[in-house]
Structures are given as structure tokens and as C-alpha cells.
N, C-alpha and C. Protein backbone atom coordinates (compact mmCIF):
# COMPACT_ATOMS: atom_id res chain seq x y z
N MET A 1 17.84 -7.03 -21.16
CA MET A 1 16.40 -6.97 -21.18
C MET A 1 15.99 -5.51 -21.40
N SER A 2 15.19 -5.27 -22.41
CA SER A 2 14.72 -3.91 -22.70
C SER A 2 13.55 -3.56 -21.77
N PRO A 3 13.32 -2.29 -21.56
CA PRO A 3 12.20 -1.88 -20.71
C PRO A 3 10.86 -2.36 -21.24
N ALA A 4 10.70 -2.39 -22.55
CA ALA A 4 9.42 -2.83 -23.13
C ALA A 4 9.16 -4.30 -22.83
N SER A 5 10.19 -5.14 -22.93
CA SER A 5 9.98 -6.55 -22.63
C SER A 5 9.77 -6.77 -21.14
N GLY A 6 10.39 -5.95 -20.33
CA GLY A 6 10.17 -6.04 -18.88
C GLY A 6 8.75 -5.67 -18.51
N LEU A 7 8.22 -4.62 -19.15
CA LEU A 7 6.84 -4.22 -18.87
C LEU A 7 5.83 -5.25 -19.38
N SER A 8 6.11 -5.86 -20.53
CA SER A 8 5.20 -6.88 -21.03
C SER A 8 5.23 -8.12 -20.13
N ARG A 9 6.40 -8.43 -19.60
CA ARG A 9 6.51 -9.57 -18.67
C ARG A 9 5.75 -9.26 -17.38
N LEU A 10 5.85 -8.01 -16.91
CA LEU A 10 5.14 -7.60 -15.71
C LEU A 10 3.62 -7.64 -15.93
N ALA A 11 3.18 -7.20 -17.09
CA ALA A 11 1.75 -7.25 -17.42
C ALA A 11 1.25 -8.69 -17.50
N ALA A 12 2.06 -9.58 -18.04
CA ALA A 12 1.68 -11.00 -18.11
C ALA A 12 1.55 -11.59 -16.72
N LEU A 13 2.48 -11.25 -15.84
CA LEU A 13 2.40 -11.74 -14.45
C LEU A 13 1.16 -11.20 -13.75
N ALA A 14 0.81 -9.94 -14.02
CA ALA A 14 -0.38 -9.35 -13.41
C ALA A 14 -1.65 -10.03 -13.90
N ARG A 15 -1.67 -10.45 -15.17
CA ARG A 15 -2.83 -11.17 -15.69
C ARG A 15 -2.93 -12.57 -15.09
N GLU A 16 -1.80 -13.18 -14.80
CA GLU A 16 -1.80 -14.51 -14.18
C GLU A 16 -2.27 -14.46 -12.73
N HIS A 17 -1.90 -13.39 -12.03
CA HIS A 17 -2.20 -13.27 -10.60
C HIS A 17 -2.85 -11.91 -10.33
N PRO A 18 -4.13 -11.76 -10.68
CA PRO A 18 -4.76 -10.44 -10.56
C PRO A 18 -4.92 -9.96 -9.11
N VAL A 19 -5.18 -10.87 -8.18
CA VAL A 19 -5.35 -10.47 -6.79
C VAL A 19 -4.03 -9.95 -6.23
N ALA A 20 -2.96 -10.66 -6.49
CA ALA A 20 -1.65 -10.23 -6.00
C ALA A 20 -1.25 -8.89 -6.63
N ALA A 21 -1.54 -8.72 -7.91
CA ALA A 21 -1.20 -7.47 -8.59
C ALA A 21 -2.00 -6.31 -8.00
N ALA A 22 -3.27 -6.53 -7.73
CA ALA A 22 -4.10 -5.48 -7.14
C ALA A 22 -3.60 -5.11 -5.74
N LEU A 23 -3.21 -6.11 -4.95
CA LEU A 23 -2.68 -5.83 -3.62
C LEU A 23 -1.38 -5.05 -3.67
N GLU A 24 -0.52 -5.41 -4.60
CA GLU A 24 0.76 -4.72 -4.73
C GLU A 24 0.57 -3.26 -5.15
N VAL A 25 -0.30 -3.04 -6.13
CA VAL A 25 -0.54 -1.67 -6.61
C VAL A 25 -1.21 -0.84 -5.52
N ALA A 26 -2.19 -1.42 -4.83
CA ALA A 26 -2.87 -0.69 -3.75
C ALA A 26 -1.90 -0.36 -2.62
N THR A 27 -1.00 -1.28 -2.30
CA THR A 27 -0.02 -1.01 -1.26
C THR A 27 0.94 0.09 -1.68
N LEU A 28 1.37 0.05 -2.93
CA LEU A 28 2.26 1.10 -3.43
C LEU A 28 1.59 2.47 -3.35
N LEU A 29 0.34 2.56 -3.81
CA LEU A 29 -0.37 3.83 -3.74
C LEU A 29 -0.61 4.27 -2.30
N GLY A 30 -0.93 3.33 -1.43
CA GLY A 30 -1.13 3.65 -0.02
C GLY A 30 0.13 4.18 0.62
N CYS A 31 1.27 3.58 0.31
CA CYS A 31 2.54 4.06 0.87
C CYS A 31 2.90 5.44 0.34
N VAL A 32 2.64 5.69 -0.93
CA VAL A 32 2.90 7.02 -1.48
C VAL A 32 2.02 8.06 -0.78
N LEU A 33 0.75 7.73 -0.57
CA LEU A 33 -0.14 8.64 0.15
C LEU A 33 0.31 8.86 1.59
N LEU A 34 0.82 7.81 2.23
CA LEU A 34 1.32 7.97 3.59
C LEU A 34 2.53 8.90 3.63
N VAL A 35 3.42 8.78 2.67
CA VAL A 35 4.59 9.66 2.63
C VAL A 35 4.16 11.11 2.41
N VAL A 36 3.26 11.33 1.46
CA VAL A 36 2.79 12.69 1.20
C VAL A 36 2.03 13.23 2.42
N GLY A 37 1.18 12.43 3.01
CA GLY A 37 0.43 12.85 4.19
C GLY A 37 1.35 13.17 5.36
N THR A 38 2.39 12.38 5.55
CA THR A 38 3.34 12.64 6.62
C THR A 38 4.08 13.95 6.38
N TYR A 39 4.47 14.19 5.14
CA TYR A 39 5.14 15.44 4.80
C TYR A 39 4.23 16.63 5.09
N VAL A 40 2.97 16.54 4.70
CA VAL A 40 2.01 17.62 4.95
C VAL A 40 1.80 17.81 6.44
N ALA A 41 1.69 16.71 7.18
CA ALA A 41 1.47 16.80 8.63
C ALA A 41 2.67 17.44 9.33
N ILE A 42 3.86 17.08 8.92
CA ILE A 42 5.05 17.67 9.53
C ILE A 42 5.16 19.14 9.17
N ALA A 43 4.84 19.49 7.93
CA ALA A 43 4.91 20.88 7.49
C ALA A 43 3.88 21.75 8.19
N SER A 44 2.75 21.16 8.60
CA SER A 44 1.70 21.95 9.24
C SER A 44 1.96 22.17 10.73
N GLY A 45 3.00 21.57 11.26
CA GLY A 45 3.35 21.78 12.66
C GLY A 45 2.74 20.75 13.59
N PRO A 46 2.93 20.94 14.88
CA PRO A 46 2.40 19.98 15.84
C PRO A 46 0.88 19.90 15.77
N PRO A 47 0.32 18.74 16.07
CA PRO A 47 -1.13 18.61 16.00
C PRO A 47 -1.81 19.47 17.07
N THR A 48 -2.86 20.12 16.68
CA THR A 48 -3.68 20.88 17.62
C THR A 48 -5.09 20.34 17.56
N GLY A 49 -5.76 20.34 18.65
CA GLY A 49 -7.13 19.81 18.67
C GLY A 49 -7.11 18.30 18.61
N THR A 50 -7.86 17.74 17.66
CA THR A 50 -7.99 16.28 17.59
C THR A 50 -6.91 15.63 16.73
N GLY A 51 -6.24 16.37 15.84
CA GLY A 51 -5.16 15.81 15.04
C GLY A 51 -5.62 14.77 14.05
N GLU A 52 -6.67 15.10 13.27
CA GLU A 52 -7.24 14.13 12.32
C GLU A 52 -6.23 13.65 11.30
N LEU A 53 -5.36 14.54 10.83
CA LEU A 53 -4.39 14.14 9.81
C LEU A 53 -3.43 13.08 10.36
N TRP A 54 -2.92 13.32 11.56
CA TRP A 54 -2.01 12.33 12.16
C TRP A 54 -2.73 11.01 12.43
N LEU A 55 -3.98 11.10 12.88
CA LEU A 55 -4.75 9.88 13.12
C LEU A 55 -4.97 9.11 11.82
N GLY A 56 -5.24 9.83 10.73
CA GLY A 56 -5.41 9.18 9.42
C GLY A 56 -4.13 8.49 8.96
N ILE A 57 -2.99 9.12 9.21
CA ILE A 57 -1.71 8.52 8.84
C ILE A 57 -1.47 7.24 9.64
N ILE A 58 -1.74 7.29 10.93
CA ILE A 58 -1.55 6.11 11.78
C ILE A 58 -2.49 4.98 11.36
N ILE A 59 -3.75 5.30 11.10
CA ILE A 59 -4.71 4.28 10.68
C ILE A 59 -4.35 3.71 9.32
N GLY A 60 -3.92 4.56 8.38
CA GLY A 60 -3.51 4.08 7.06
C GLY A 60 -2.31 3.15 7.14
N GLY A 61 -1.31 3.52 7.92
CA GLY A 61 -0.14 2.65 8.09
C GLY A 61 -0.51 1.34 8.76
N GLY A 62 -1.36 1.43 9.77
CA GLY A 62 -1.81 0.21 10.44
C GLY A 62 -2.59 -0.72 9.52
N ALA A 63 -3.39 -0.13 8.64
CA ALA A 63 -4.15 -0.94 7.68
C ALA A 63 -3.23 -1.69 6.73
N ILE A 64 -2.17 -1.03 6.28
CA ILE A 64 -1.22 -1.70 5.39
C ILE A 64 -0.51 -2.83 6.12
N VAL A 65 -0.14 -2.59 7.37
CA VAL A 65 0.53 -3.64 8.15
C VAL A 65 -0.39 -4.83 8.37
N VAL A 66 -1.64 -4.56 8.75
CA VAL A 66 -2.60 -5.65 8.98
C VAL A 66 -2.85 -6.41 7.68
N LEU A 67 -2.93 -5.70 6.57
CA LEU A 67 -3.15 -6.36 5.29
C LEU A 67 -2.08 -7.41 5.02
N TRP A 68 -0.80 -7.02 5.17
CA TRP A 68 0.29 -7.92 4.79
C TRP A 68 0.66 -8.92 5.87
N THR A 69 0.33 -8.65 7.14
CA THR A 69 0.71 -9.61 8.18
C THR A 69 -0.43 -10.54 8.58
N VAL A 70 -1.68 -10.14 8.28
CA VAL A 70 -2.81 -10.99 8.67
C VAL A 70 -3.61 -11.46 7.46
N LEU A 71 -4.07 -10.53 6.65
CA LEU A 71 -5.00 -10.90 5.58
C LEU A 71 -4.35 -11.66 4.43
N VAL A 72 -3.17 -11.25 4.00
CA VAL A 72 -2.51 -11.95 2.89
C VAL A 72 -2.13 -13.38 3.30
N PRO A 73 -1.49 -13.60 4.46
CA PRO A 73 -1.21 -15.00 4.85
C PRO A 73 -2.48 -15.83 5.04
N LEU A 74 -3.55 -15.22 5.55
CA LEU A 74 -4.81 -15.95 5.70
C LEU A 74 -5.37 -16.33 4.34
N TYR A 75 -5.32 -15.42 3.38
CA TYR A 75 -5.78 -15.69 2.01
C TYR A 75 -4.96 -16.83 1.39
N GLU A 76 -3.64 -16.76 1.56
CA GLU A 76 -2.78 -17.82 1.00
C GLU A 76 -3.05 -19.17 1.66
N ARG A 77 -3.32 -19.16 2.95
CA ARG A 77 -3.61 -20.41 3.66
C ARG A 77 -4.94 -21.00 3.20
N LEU A 78 -5.91 -20.14 2.93
CA LEU A 78 -7.22 -20.62 2.47
C LEU A 78 -7.12 -21.20 1.06
N LEU A 79 -6.21 -20.69 0.23
CA LEU A 79 -6.04 -21.22 -1.12
C LEU A 79 -5.34 -22.57 -1.13
N ALA A 80 -4.49 -22.81 -0.14
CA ALA A 80 -3.70 -24.04 -0.11
C ALA A 80 -4.49 -25.22 0.35
């Protein structure tokens, strides 16, 4: 399978299931942002004051977990 045919197959699947494709892409981007944010937070040292960056990382990770453990199964159940 060539990379071009793989990408066209992936694009066709995304057109068939736009909600699932949007969720997957958003989750991928969210995870990349969490990794970068964690790296920046660790590089900046221990949190001082209110620790907004660490709080944002925790909230972002929690949002991704809630999305896939609560909202996606609820959406699938409502479609069935």
C-alpha cells in the first residue's frame, strides 16, 4: 500500500464519519498541546503562586478523559 493510497483511504473514512474524524483530530492536537505544556511546566520549575500552567494541564487532560469515557459512549448510545 503506497502512502498516497493510504491517505486517500483515510480521507474517505473521514468523509464517511465526520464527527469521529473531528474527535480524533481534536484529541491528537490536545495531546500534543498537553505534552508541550508539560515540558514547559517542568522546565519552568516547581509551581509558585497559583500554578495556572499546571492547573491548565490537569484540566486539559481531564477534559480529554471525560470526552472519551463519558461523552463518546453517550453519543454512540444515543445513535443506536
